[in-house]
Protein backbone atom coordinates (compact mmCIF):
# COMPACT_ATOMS: atom_id res chain seq x y z
CA MET A 1 155.88 161.12 91.94
CA LYS A 2 155.72 163.56 89.07
CA LYS A 3 158.29 165.80 88.54
CA VAL A 4 157.96 169.38 87.31
CA ILE A 5 160.34 171.93 86.21
CA ILE A 6 158.87 176.03 86.20
CA GLY A 7 160.68 178.02 83.84
CA LEU A 8 159.58 181.18 81.93
CA ILE A 9 159.97 181.27 78.38
CA LEU A 10 158.24 184.71 77.06
CA GLY A 11 157.24 185.48 73.46
CA LEU A 12 156.81 181.32 72.75
CA ALA A 13 153.91 180.90 69.91
CA CYS A 14 151.80 177.95 70.62
CA THR A 15 148.10 176.58 70.00
CA ALA A 16 145.72 176.68 72.24
CA ILE A 17 144.82 173.30 73.65
CA SER A 18 142.09 172.30 75.87
CA ALA A 19 143.04 171.86 79.30
CA GLN A 20 144.10 168.57 80.34
CA GLU A 21 146.94 166.31 82.20
CA LEU A 22 148.16 163.07 81.01
CA LEU A 23 147.49 159.63 83.30
CA LEU A 24 149.31 156.82 82.86
CA LYS A 25 147.49 154.19 83.12
CA ARG A 26 149.06 150.82 82.10
CA VAL A 27 151.91 148.85 80.40
CA CYS A 28 151.42 145.38 78.94
CA ASN A 29 153.19 143.36 77.78
CA ALA A 30 152.13 142.41 73.76
CA GLY A 31 154.57 139.75 73.05
CA ASN A 32 157.48 141.27 71.04
CA ASN A 33 155.75 144.38 71.81
CA ASN A 34 154.87 146.53 74.66
CA GLN A 35 151.44 148.81 74.88
CA LEU A 36 151.24 151.81 76.61
CA THR A 37 147.53 153.10 77.35
CA TRP A 38 147.19 156.88 78.88
CA GLN A 39 144.08 158.88 79.80
CA ASN A 40 143.83 162.95 79.32
CA LYS A 41 142.65 164.45 82.75
CA PRO A 42 140.81 167.70 82.39
CA LYS A 43 143.01 170.37 83.98
CA THR A 44 143.30 174.18 83.95
CA CYS A 45 146.54 173.78 82.04
CA VAL A 46 147.79 173.67 78.55
CA THR A 47 149.72 170.91 76.81
CA LEU A 48 151.91 172.09 74.42
CA GLY A 49 153.21 170.14 71.42
CA THR A 50 153.92 166.48 71.88
CA ILE A 51 154.62 164.10 74.75
CA ARG A 52 158.22 162.33 75.14
CA LEU A 53 157.99 158.70 76.30
CA TYR A 54 161.39 157.57 78.51
CA ALA A 55 161.98 154.07 79.69
CA LYS A 56 164.50 151.59 81.12
CA GLU A 57 165.06 147.90 80.27
CA ASN A 58 165.30 146.67 84.01
CA VAL A 59 165.50 148.54 87.24
CA ALA A 60 169.40 148.97 87.18
CA GLN A 61 169.51 150.73 84.25
CA ALA A 62 169.46 154.57 83.21
CA TYR A 63 166.29 155.87 81.32
CA PHE A 64 166.69 156.83 78.07
CA LEU A 65 164.76 158.08 75.38
CA ILE A 66 162.23 156.07 73.21
CA ASN A 67 160.17 158.85 71.38
CA SER A 68 159.93 162.27 71.19
CA ASN A 69 157.22 162.70 68.85
CA ILE A 70 153.74 161.26 70.47
CA ASN A 71 150.62 162.59 70.35
CA HIS A 72 148.95 162.39 73.28
CA PHE A 73 145.38 162.45 71.84
CA THR A 74 146.53 158.81 70.70
CA GLU A 75 146.22 157.68 74.29
CA ASN A 76 148.08 154.74 73.44
CA PHE A 77 151.79 153.81 72.00
CA THR A 78 153.64 150.74 70.83
CA HIS A 79 157.33 150.28 72.02
CA VAL A 80 157.84 148.19 68.88
CA ASN A 81 160.07 145.22 69.10
CA ALA A 82 160.65 146.09 72.94
CA ASN A 83 160.84 142.18 74.10
CA VAL A 84 163.09 141.27 71.02
CA PRO A 85 165.24 138.91 71.76
CA ALA A 86 163.52 138.47 75.24
CA VAL A 87 161.21 139.81 77.63
CA LYS A 88 162.71 142.48 79.64
CA ASP A 89 161.58 144.34 83.02
CA TRP A 90 160.19 147.77 81.14
CA HIS A 91 160.01 150.87 83.01
CA TYR A 92 158.16 154.01 81.98
CA TYR A 93 157.36 157.74 82.34
CA PHE A 94 156.21 160.85 80.20
CA GLU A 95 157.55 164.34 79.66
CA TYR A 96 155.75 167.04 78.50
CA THR A 97 155.14 170.81 78.55
CA GLN A 98 152.14 172.98 79.53
CA ILE A 99 151.52 176.36 80.28
CA CYS A 100 149.46 176.89 83.05
CA GLY A 101 148.28 180.96 83.19
CA ILE A 102 151.66 182.55 82.21
CA ASP A 103 154.15 179.75 83.26
CA THR A 104 155.40 177.36 81.23
CA LEU A 105 155.89 173.98 82.81
CA ILE A 106 157.77 170.36 82.02
CA ILE A 107 155.65 167.96 83.48
CA PHE A 108 157.23 163.87 84.39
CA SER A 109 154.03 161.32 84.87
CA ASP A 110 154.24 158.53 87.00
CA THR A 111 156.23 155.95 86.27
CA LEU A 112 155.00 152.71 85.43
CA LYS A 113 156.60 149.21 84.92
CA ILE A 114 155.74 146.09 82.83
CA ASP A 115 151.95 145.34 84.35
CA ASP A 116 152.35 141.23 85.29
CA LEU A 117 149.72 141.05 87.86
CA LYS A 118 147.08 138.52 87.14
CA PRO A 119 143.78 138.93 88.24
CA ASP A 120 141.95 137.47 91.39
CA SER A 121 140.45 134.13 90.71
CA THR A 122 137.04 133.60 89.25
CA VAL A 123 135.48 130.11 90.03
CA LEU A 124 132.12 129.12 88.33
CA ASP A 125 129.45 128.54 91.17
CA SER A 126 127.38 126.03 89.52
CA VAL A 127 126.44 124.14 85.99
CA SER A 128 123.09 123.23 85.70
CA VAL A 129 121.41 121.60 82.70
CA ASP A 130 117.94 122.98 82.21
CA PRO A 131 115.45 119.43 82.44
CA ILE A 132 113.04 121.17 80.31
CA ASN A 133 114.75 122.26 77.38
CA ASN A 134 118.50 120.56 77.84
CA LEU A 135 120.56 123.69 77.89
CA VAL A 136 123.56 123.86 79.93
CA LEU A 137 123.28 126.75 82.72
CA LEU A 138 126.55 128.55 83.82
CA GLY A 139 126.36 130.91 86.66
CA TRP A 140 129.23 132.72 88.41
CA SER A 141 129.97 136.06 91.08
CA GLY A 142 131.91 139.30 89.45
CA ASN A 143 135.10 139.71 89.55
CA ARG A 144 136.16 142.55 91.71
CA THR A 145 139.83 143.11 90.34
CA PRO A 146 140.22 146.56 90.02
CA ASP A 147 141.24 146.42 86.51
CA PHE A 148 139.06 143.30 85.53
CA ASN A 149 138.37 142.85 81.81
CA ALA A 150 136.48 140.13 80.74
CA TYR A 151 135.55 136.14 81.19
CA TYR A 152 136.81 133.09 79.58
CA LEU A 153 134.41 130.12 79.56
CA TYR A 154 135.87 126.75 78.58
CA ASN A 155 134.68 123.33 77.70
CA TYR A 156 136.83 120.62 77.67
CA ASP A 157 134.49 118.42 76.04
CA ARG A 158 135.26 120.28 72.34
CA ALA A 159 137.80 120.18 70.18
CA ASP A 160 138.98 123.32 70.78
CA PRO A 161 137.73 124.38 74.40
CA ARG A 162 137.30 127.95 73.91
CA LEU A 163 133.56 128.28 75.06
CA ILE A 164 133.51 132.04 74.55
CA GLU A 165 135.84 135.10 75.19
CA ASN A 166 135.69 138.49 76.20
CA PHE A 167 132.61 137.67 77.91
CA ARG A 168 131.13 140.55 80.98
CA ASP A 169 128.26 139.02 81.93
CA THR A 170 127.92 136.23 85.09
CA PHE A 171 125.69 133.94 83.30
CA TYR A 172 125.87 131.96 80.54
CA ILE A 173 124.07 129.27 78.45
CA ASP A 174 125.52 126.46 76.37
CA ILE A 175 123.28 126.04 73.34
CA ALA A 176 126.51 124.49 71.51
CA PRO A 177 125.45 120.81 69.64
CA ILE A 178 127.12 118.78 72.62
CA ASN A 179 123.82 116.77 74.26
CA PRO A 180 124.15 116.60 77.84
CA ARG A 181 122.23 113.69 77.79
CA SER A 182 124.81 112.12 76.11
CA LYS A 183 127.64 112.32 78.38
CA SER A 184 128.84 114.44 81.69
CA LEU A 185 130.15 117.92 80.41
CA SER A 186 133.34 119.39 82.14
CA TYR A 187 133.19 123.58 82.16
CA ASP A 188 135.58 125.96 83.61
CA ILE A 189 135.98 129.61 83.57
CA THR A 190 138.81 132.36 84.14
CA SER A 191 139.39 135.94 83.85
CA SER A 192 141.57 138.96 82.90
CA ASP A 193 142.82 142.24 83.54
CA SER A 194 143.23 145.09 81.07
CA CYS A 195 146.49 144.36 79.95
CA ASP A 196 144.85 140.42 78.87
CA ASN A 197 146.63 139.07 82.13
CA ARG A 198 144.78 135.93 82.62
CA LYS A 199 144.19 133.72 85.93
CA GLU A 200 145.28 130.44 85.71
CA TYR A 201 142.16 127.77 85.07
CA GLY A 202 141.76 124.03 85.11
CA ALA A 203 141.80 123.36 88.91
CA TYR A 204 138.09 124.35 89.53
CA GLN A 205 136.01 122.33 86.93
CA HIS A 206 132.56 121.34 87.38
CA LYS A 207 131.07 118.84 85.54
CA THR A 208 127.06 118.34 85.16
CA ILE A 209 125.31 115.38 86.04
CA HIS A 210 124.67 112.50 83.67
CA LEU A 211 121.57 110.89 84.58
CA ARG A 212 121.06 106.94 82.83
CA GLY A 213 117.98 104.66 83.40
CA SER A 214 117.13 101.17 82.49
CA VAL A 215 113.51 99.66 82.93
CA ASP A 216 112.75 95.63 83.59
CA THR A 217 109.71 95.66 81.88
CA CYS A 218 109.16 92.28 83.77
CA ILE A 219 108.56 93.83 87.31
CA ASN A 220 108.23 97.47 86.07
CA GLN A 221 111.36 98.11 88.05
CA ILE A 222 113.56 101.11 86.91
CA LEU A 223 117.10 101.50 87.86
CA LEU A 224 118.65 105.33 88.10
CA ASN A 225 122.05 105.83 88.14
CA TRP A 226 124.38 108.98 87.47
CA THR A 227 127.61 110.21 87.58
CA ALA A 228 128.60 112.81 90.73
CA TYR A 229 128.26 116.23 90.40
CA VAL A 230 132.02 117.72 90.42
CA GLY A 231 132.28 121.14 91.25
CA TRP A 232 131.70 121.59 94.99
CA PRO A 233 131.30 118.86 97.85
CA VAL A 234 127.28 117.86 97.22
CA ILE A 235 125.28 117.08 100.75
CA ASN A 236 122.12 115.23 98.93
CA TYR A 237 120.81 114.49 95.42
CA HIS A 238 116.59 115.17 94.99
CA VAL A 239 115.12 112.92 92.04
CA PHE A 240 112.47 114.17 90.46
CA ARG A 241 110.10 112.06 88.39
CA SER A 242 107.37 112.61 85.58
CA ILE A 243 104.50 109.94 84.33
CA ASN A 244 103.19 110.15 80.70
CA ASN A 245 104.20 113.96 80.55
CA ALA A 246 102.77 115.11 83.67
CA PRO A 247 104.42 117.76 85.58
CA PHE A 248 107.87 116.77 87.14
CA GLU A 249 107.57 115.81 91.04
CA TRP A 250 109.78 115.18 93.64
CA ILE A 251 110.10 111.27 95.23
CA ALA A 252 113.22 111.18 96.52
CA GLU A 253 116.25 112.67 98.48
CA LEU A 254 119.52 110.64 98.87
CA PRO A 255 122.95 111.21 100.36
CA GLY A 256 125.35 113.20 98.28
CA ASN A 257 127.32 109.32 98.21
CA GLN A 258 124.48 107.52 96.71
CA LEU A 259 124.70 107.55 92.46
CA ASN A 260 121.87 105.74 92.07
CA PHE A 261 117.92 104.86 93.13
CA GLN A 262 115.65 102.29 92.17
CA ASP A 263 112.13 103.04 91.19
CA GLN A 264 108.73 101.14 90.99
CA ILE A 265 106.05 102.06 88.69
CA THR A 266 102.58 99.62 88.71
CA GLN A 267 101.32 101.98 85.59
CA ILE A 268 102.27 99.38 82.70
CA GLY A 269 102.89 100.92 79.35
CA ALA A 270 103.94 104.41 80.97
CA ASN A 271 106.03 106.75 79.77
CA VAL A 272 108.59 107.75 82.38
CA LYS A 273 111.26 110.72 82.57
CA TYR A 274 113.73 111.50 85.48
CA PHE A 275 116.02 114.05 86.33
CA VAL A 276 118.51 114.59 89.33
CA ARG A 277 119.23 117.93 91.54
CA ALA A 278 122.00 118.24 93.50
CA ARG A 279 122.21 120.38 96.28
CA LYS A 280 125.57 122.06 98.31
CA GLU A 281 125.46 122.42 102.14
CA ASN A 282 122.45 124.98 103.31
CA ASN A 283 121.03 124.72 99.79
CA THR A 284 122.74 128.00 98.68
CA MET A 285 123.63 126.20 95.29
CA VAL A 286 121.97 123.39 92.86
CA SER A 287 122.88 121.62 90.07
CA SER A 288 120.17 119.39 87.68
CA SER A 289 121.15 116.87 85.10
CA SER A 290 118.83 116.71 82.18
CA ASN A 291 115.82 114.32 81.81
CA MET A 292 116.09 110.93 80.50
CA SER A 293 116.15 110.40 76.73
CA PRO A 294 114.98 108.54 75.45
CA GLU A 295 111.77 108.38 77.97
CA LEU A 296 111.82 104.27 79.63
CA ILE A 297 108.35 102.52 78.98
CA THR A 298 107.31 100.47 81.25
CA GLY A 299 106.31 96.74 80.66
CA ARG A 300 102.70 96.53 78.99
CA SER A 301 101.97 93.02 80.71
CA VAL A 302 100.04 93.06 83.98
CA ASN A 303 102.31 91.34 86.74
CA PRO A 304 100.68 88.65 88.86
CA THR A 305 99.72 89.96 92.19
CA ASN A 306 96.41 88.74 94.53
CA THR A 307 96.55 84.64 93.52
CA LEU A 308 95.23 82.66 96.20
CA LEU A 309 95.47 79.55 97.38
CA THR A 310 91.39 78.76 98.17
CA GLN A 311 91.14 75.20 99.83
CA VAL A 312 93.57 72.46 100.73
CA SER A 313 91.09 69.20 101.57
CA ASN A 314 91.18 65.92 101.39
CA ASN A 315 89.34 64.69 98.33
CA THR A 316 86.88 61.49 97.57
CA ASN A 317 90.03 59.45 96.60
CA ASN A 318 91.52 60.19 100.32
CA LYS A 319 94.09 62.15 99.05
CA ILE A 320 94.84 66.21 99.31
CA GLU A 321 93.59 68.53 97.09
CA LEU A 322 94.12 71.99 96.68
CA GLU A 323 92.21 74.85 94.60
CA ILE A 324 93.58 78.31 93.58
CA ILE A 325 92.53 81.35 91.99
CA ARG A 326 94.23 83.20 89.34
CA ASN A 327 94.29 87.23 89.63
CA PRO A 328 91.80 87.93 86.24
CA VAL A 329 93.70 90.94 84.93
CA ALA A 330 97.20 89.58 85.50
CA ASN A 331 99.18 87.77 82.77
CA TYR A 332 101.23 84.38 83.82
CA LEU A 333 103.77 82.61 82.79
CA ASN A 334 103.11 79.41 85.74
CA ILE A 335 102.39 79.49 89.35
CA GLU A 336 104.17 77.04 91.05
CA LEU A 337 103.15 75.27 93.79
CA ARG A 338 105.50 74.37 96.84
CA ARG A 339 104.82 72.39 100.10
CA ILE A 340 106.98 72.15 103.22
CA ASN A 341 106.83 68.77 104.75
CA ASN A 342 107.35 68.23 109.19
CA LEU A 343 110.96 68.04 108.34
CA MET A 344 110.84 71.40 106.63
CA VAL A 345 111.99 70.31 103.85
CA ASP A 346 110.76 72.87 101.28
CA GLU A 347 110.30 71.58 97.42
CA GLN A 348 108.31 72.10 94.04
CA VAL A 349 104.86 69.89 94.25
CA TYR A 350 103.12 70.87 90.76
CA ILE A 351 103.33 73.90 87.59
CA PHE A 352 99.94 75.03 87.08
CA PRO A 353 100.01 75.76 83.04
CA ASN A 354 97.38 77.84 81.83
CA ASN A 355 94.00 78.28 83.79
CA GLU A 356 94.08 74.94 85.26
CA ILE A 357 93.29 75.91 89.29
CA ILE A 358 92.94 71.86 90.43
CA PHE A 359 95.43 69.95 91.30
CA GLU A 360 95.53 65.98 93.49
CA ASP A 361 98.55 66.11 95.49
CA VAL A 362 99.01 61.96 95.42
CA PHE A 363 101.90 61.55 97.07
CA ALA A 364 101.52 63.61 99.92
CA ASP A 365 100.73 61.08 103.49
CA ASN A 366 97.30 62.73 104.38
CA THR A 367 98.12 61.85 107.52
CA LEU A 368 101.02 63.90 107.30
CA LYS A 369 100.98 68.22 107.85
CA TYR A 370 101.89 70.20 105.21
CA ASN A 371 102.18 73.71 104.93
CA TYR A 372 101.39 74.68 101.00
CA TYR A 373 101.93 77.86 99.20
CA LEU A 374 102.28 79.91 96.00
CA LEU A 375 104.70 81.22 93.59
CA SER A 376 103.23 83.39 90.79
CA ARG A 377 105.46 84.14 87.16
CA ASN A 378 105.11 87.26 85.59
CA MET A 379 105.78 86.46 81.46
CA CYS A 380 109.62 86.75 81.87
CA GLY A 381 109.57 84.10 84.78
CA ILE A 382 110.00 85.96 87.45
CA VAL A 383 108.38 85.51 90.58
CA THR A 384 106.02 88.66 91.64
CA ASP A 385 104.16 87.01 94.12
CA SER A 386 103.60 84.70 96.50
CA THR A 387 100.95 83.68 99.19
CA PRO A 388 101.24 83.09 102.56
CA PHE A 389 101.30 79.15 103.92
CA SER A 390 98.10 77.05 103.78
CA ASN A 391 97.46 73.51 105.45
CA ASN A 392 95.76 70.49 105.64
CA ILE A 393 93.90 69.15 108.26
CA VAL A 394 95.24 65.86 110.13
CA LEU A 395 92.86 64.04 112.25
CA SER A 396 93.96 61.49 115.02
CA LEU A 397 92.13 59.13 117.09
CA LYS A 398 92.70 57.80 120.46
CA ALA A 399 90.32 55.23 122.05
CA HIS A 400 89.61 54.98 125.81
CA GLU A 401 87.50 52.53 127.38
CA ASP A 402 83.95 54.05 126.85
CA LYS A 403 85.20 56.89 124.72
CA ILE A 404 86.80 58.17 121.53
CA SER A 405 89.10 61.13 121.96
CA LEU A 406 89.29 63.41 118.32
CA ASN A 407 91.96 66.28 117.76
CA TRP A 408 93.19 68.09 114.64
CA ASN A 409 95.54 70.48 113.59
CA ARG A 410 93.96 74.01 112.81
CA TYR A 411 93.25 74.91 109.11
CA PHE A 412 94.92 77.79 107.96
CA THR A 413 93.87 79.11 104.69
CA TRP A 414 91.40 81.90 104.69
CA ASN A 415 91.76 85.37 105.82
CA THR A 416 88.59 85.36 107.32
CA GLY A 417 88.98 82.22 109.49
CA VAL A 418 87.16 79.12 110.55
CA LYS A 419 83.83 79.82 111.04
CA GLU A 420 83.58 76.39 112.64
CA TYR A 421 84.40 72.85 112.64
CA ILE A 422 81.91 69.91 111.80
CA MET A 423 82.54 66.33 112.97
CA TYR A 424 81.09 63.69 110.71
CA ARG A 425 80.71 59.82 111.65
CA ALA A 426 80.19 56.59 109.90
CA SER A 427 79.26 53.17 111.69
CA GLY A 428 79.42 49.76 110.84
CA ASN A 429 80.27 45.91 111.23
CA ASN A 430 83.26 46.44 109.29
CA ILE A 431 85.33 49.56 107.55
CA ASN A 432 83.40 49.22 104.49
CA ASP A 433 80.09 48.91 106.15
CA ALA A 434 81.37 52.56 107.49
CA ILE A 435 80.81 54.87 104.71
CA ASN A 436 77.60 56.79 105.47
CA PHE A 437 79.17 59.82 106.95
CA THR A 438 75.94 62.15 108.89
CA ALA A 439 76.99 65.15 111.36
CA GLU A 440 77.66 64.24 115.29
CA GLN A 441 78.21 67.87 115.82
CA SER A 442 78.73 71.02 114.22
CA ASN A 443 79.49 74.61 115.39
CA ILE A 444 82.90 73.23 117.25
CA LYS A 445 85.55 75.71 118.20
CA ASP A 446 88.03 74.13 119.53
CA SER A 447 90.11 71.37 117.56
CA LEU A 448 89.38 68.51 120.71
CA PHE A 449 86.58 66.30 120.46
CA GLU A 450 84.57 63.40 122.45
CA THR A 451 82.52 60.88 121.43
CA THR A 452 81.48 57.39 122.42
CA ARG A 453 82.59 54.01 121.21
CA GLY A 454 79.21 52.74 120.09
CA ASN A 455 78.20 48.91 119.35
CA LEU A 456 79.52 48.30 116.00
CA ALA A 457 82.74 47.26 115.03
CA ALA A 458 84.11 50.40 112.83
CA ASN A 459 83.69 53.97 113.46
CA CYS A 460 85.15 56.41 111.50
CA PHE A 461 85.24 59.73 111.41
CA TYR A 462 86.88 63.04 109.65
CA VAL A 463 86.41 66.69 110.30
CA LEU A 464 85.36 69.58 108.05
CA ALA A 465 86.89 73.25 108.49
CA LYS A 466 84.23 75.80 106.83
CA GLN A 467 84.88 79.31 106.04
CA ASP A 468 84.12 81.95 108.22
CA GLN A 469 82.16 84.43 105.19
CA ALA A 470 81.80 81.69 102.49
CA ASN A 471 80.49 77.96 101.93
CA ALA A 472 84.47 76.71 101.08
CA ILE A 473 85.35 73.75 103.24
CA SER A 474 88.33 71.86 104.21
CA LYS A 475 87.93 68.49 104.94
CA SER A 476 90.20 66.43 106.90
CA ASN A 477 91.58 62.67 106.59
CA THR A 478 89.44 60.22 107.84
CA VAL A 479 90.32 58.17 111.17
CA CYS A 480 88.98 55.03 111.91
CA LEU A 481 88.11 52.65 115.10
CA ILE A 482 87.81 49.22 114.55
CA LYS A 483 87.14 46.08 116.68
CA ALA A 484 88.48 43.08 115.44
CA GLY A 485 86.36 39.40 115.05
CA ASN A 486 87.14 36.27 113.58
CA VAL A 487 87.11 36.28 109.73
CA PHE A 488 85.28 33.66 107.87
CA TYR A 489 84.95 32.85 104.17
CA PRO A 490 83.00 29.83 102.52
CA ASN A 491 84.73 27.05 101.11
CA ALA A 492 83.33 26.53 97.52
CA ILE A 493 81.02 28.93 95.54
CA ILE A 494 78.28 28.11 92.57
CA PRO A 495 78.70 31.06 90.02
CA ASN A 496 75.49 30.51 88.60
CA GLY A 497 73.85 29.25 91.90
CA LEU A 498 72.83 30.86 95.22
CA ASN A 499 76.35 31.10 96.77
CA LYS A 500 78.18 32.90 93.61
CA VAL A 501 80.83 35.36 94.91
CA PHE A 502 83.90 34.29 97.39
CA THR A 503 84.67 36.54 100.21
CA PHE A 504 85.72 37.21 103.82
CA VAL A 505 83.19 38.68 106.69
CA GLY A 506 83.61 39.29 110.24
CA GLU A 507 84.06 42.24 112.55
CA GLY A 508 86.55 44.88 111.90
CA ILE A 509 87.68 43.51 108.15
CA ASP A 510 88.42 46.26 104.98
CA LEU A 511 88.20 44.74 102.34
CA GLN A 512 89.77 47.54 100.21
CA LEU A 513 93.07 47.09 102.00
CA SER A 514 92.96 43.32 101.48
CA SER A 515 94.31 41.24 98.62
CA ILE A 516 94.18 37.89 97.23
CA ASN A 517 96.04 35.35 94.63
CA ILE A 518 94.00 32.47 93.70
CA TYR A 519 96.09 29.76 92.30
CA ASN A 520 94.63 25.85 89.91
CA ARG A 521 95.68 22.85 90.88
CA TRP A 522 99.09 23.00 88.79
CA GLY A 523 100.41 25.71 90.75
CA GLN A 524 99.22 28.38 87.97
CA ILE A 525 97.77 31.59 89.00
CA GLU A 526 94.34 32.16 87.96
CA TYR A 527 93.08 35.52 89.97
CA GLN A 528 95.19 38.28 91.30
CA GLN A 529 93.71 41.32 93.16
CA GLU A 530 94.54 43.76 95.57
CA ASN A 531 90.90 45.48 96.64
CA ILE A 532 88.87 42.53 97.63
CA LEU A 533 85.66 44.09 98.14
CA SER A 534 83.87 42.96 94.99
CA GLY A 535 84.75 39.13 96.35
CA TRP A 536 85.59 36.55 93.66
CA ASP A 537 82.66 35.24 91.22
CA GLY A 538 84.94 32.49 89.55
CA LYS A 539 86.18 33.96 86.68
CA ASN A 540 90.25 34.21 85.87
CA ASN A 541 92.25 37.52 85.35
CA SER A 542 91.25 37.44 81.66
CA GLY A 543 87.97 37.88 82.40
CA ASN A 544 87.12 33.79 81.53
CA ASP A 545 84.74 30.84 83.36
CA VAL A 546 87.63 28.74 85.18
CA PRO A 547 86.78 25.18 84.73
CA ALA A 548 85.02 23.48 87.97
CA GLY A 549 87.53 22.42 90.42
CA VAL A 550 89.39 22.43 93.68
CA TYR A 551 91.55 26.06 93.85
CA PHE A 552 94.08 27.06 96.69
CA PHE A 553 94.00 30.88 97.45
CA ILE A 554 96.86 33.05 99.76
CA ALA A 555 95.30 35.84 100.93
CA LYS A 556 96.23 39.27 103.36
CA VAL A 557 93.39 40.22 104.93
CA LYS A 558 93.56 43.64 107.03
CA VAL A 559 91.49 43.15 110.10
CA GLY A 560 91.38 46.84 112.90
CA THR A 561 94.80 47.69 112.43
CA GLU A 562 96.43 44.13 111.37
CA ILE A 563 97.16 42.24 108.53
CA LYS A 564 96.46 38.60 108.62
CA ASP A 565 97.33 35.70 106.09
CA ILE A 566 94.82 33.58 105.56
CA ASN A 567 95.56 30.42 103.29
CA GLY A 568 92.87 27.94 102.11
CA ASN A 569 90.45 26.16 99.07
CA ILE A 570 87.71 26.98 97.30
CA THR A 571 85.84 24.50 95.45
CA VAL A 572 83.96 25.66 92.42
CA ILE A 573 80.99 24.50 91.22
CA ARG A 574 79.56 24.48 87.90
């Protein structure tokens, strides 16, 4: 409240001063001293002489004169050592004399105390990294405190956290040498009023997103992970990608609690960059990370894909043979062949090295069905391709009084399917004669076929699957129906005469699956053979002629489905 004493002073000599009124604006604590500031406001009256400053140390004391010779044009005054030895609760007012027309007035200013009221808080809106030029961008809303003075920015990653002081804009670009690609950077802000009272800081820090990444060049898979944005709750993260310096494009949106992303790049030798952007609820604010540095480079080898298992078939050795096709542009470490048997045991069968494409599975029983598949490994030994199951054809036979029923499992290897099944047959007086196979029926669509027995003792069959759009085939195992009869053999041979070879004859004999041991009269073995299709010509196992005489034999002869033990004598005549 202003206090005014009106008096009349006549004949007072004075110099006219421009009309004004003194407005005491603030009293600031400046450490040991107090700093007073006022303003000369225009008025119709004239201030005479100097102004007088009164003060008291606390509310309970009386005011006393501090200084009576203050030039009001200076608009500030320093109360020296006001807070020595301790800070006091000072109150101040001015007294000065003015002449208004014919009246001389003594004027008292408003009473002001030390201004220790802190301004309203200033909080950062966002701290973001420009992914192109790698600069940190800070933004915030303006402080509405009436006597606001300036902003103070802090970065806690520096030895001296003071980033900039006495700043009055609401946007700042941090171009200092701390690289935001190297770590997450922490920022904060506070504000001051005209007395440099500052709001505390540290409770509302914002931290930039630090993006990291690694690439598995074997499978060209990139794993990104990043630090959470600190400053406000993140509703989601958006991932952006650039390949070979093309413009960044959005590739994924992730929930706000997810801090990793896995990306698959098919292009080899590609230069890949990323940045991540955090979004606040309702997309009101965003914050981005810097892009990847150094850039991630994908692998330069082509991972195996589209490897094919093209054929599973019985070969001329009556063994299951497999053929594969490699992707000609891919880089293989190897191709693993695996099979699953009827007991569902999955086991490794073979590793195809280099450019080998054909394998004979000699340990497989071709009367059992197997599912085969391939696993292809890239140059790092990682499986990047697998094929569907492919099976062998297993043919089975049932005999009736005058009919033969044949059935088989369907063949699955070709994506285009099976065009037709063709049944082949060979007949003879014994199994070894049934070797000339001819097509008995073609264009079979089902997996069942019936035919007549025929008059010959041995009837053998196999079925071929033919691919729908190519000439690839798959052959089944061979099955035979054999009518067994008596077995006959000679009791003497003349190696240099007409009866040169000792062998067995009769219906249903399979000499390939028969064996014989021949001994001399002293019990020493002269000849031993598992497959006796060619018979014995009177030579021992060393290829030398045995002497003329009587020899004893023990034979196991396959007749029909049975093995017969036959023992006897052979006379060799020279």
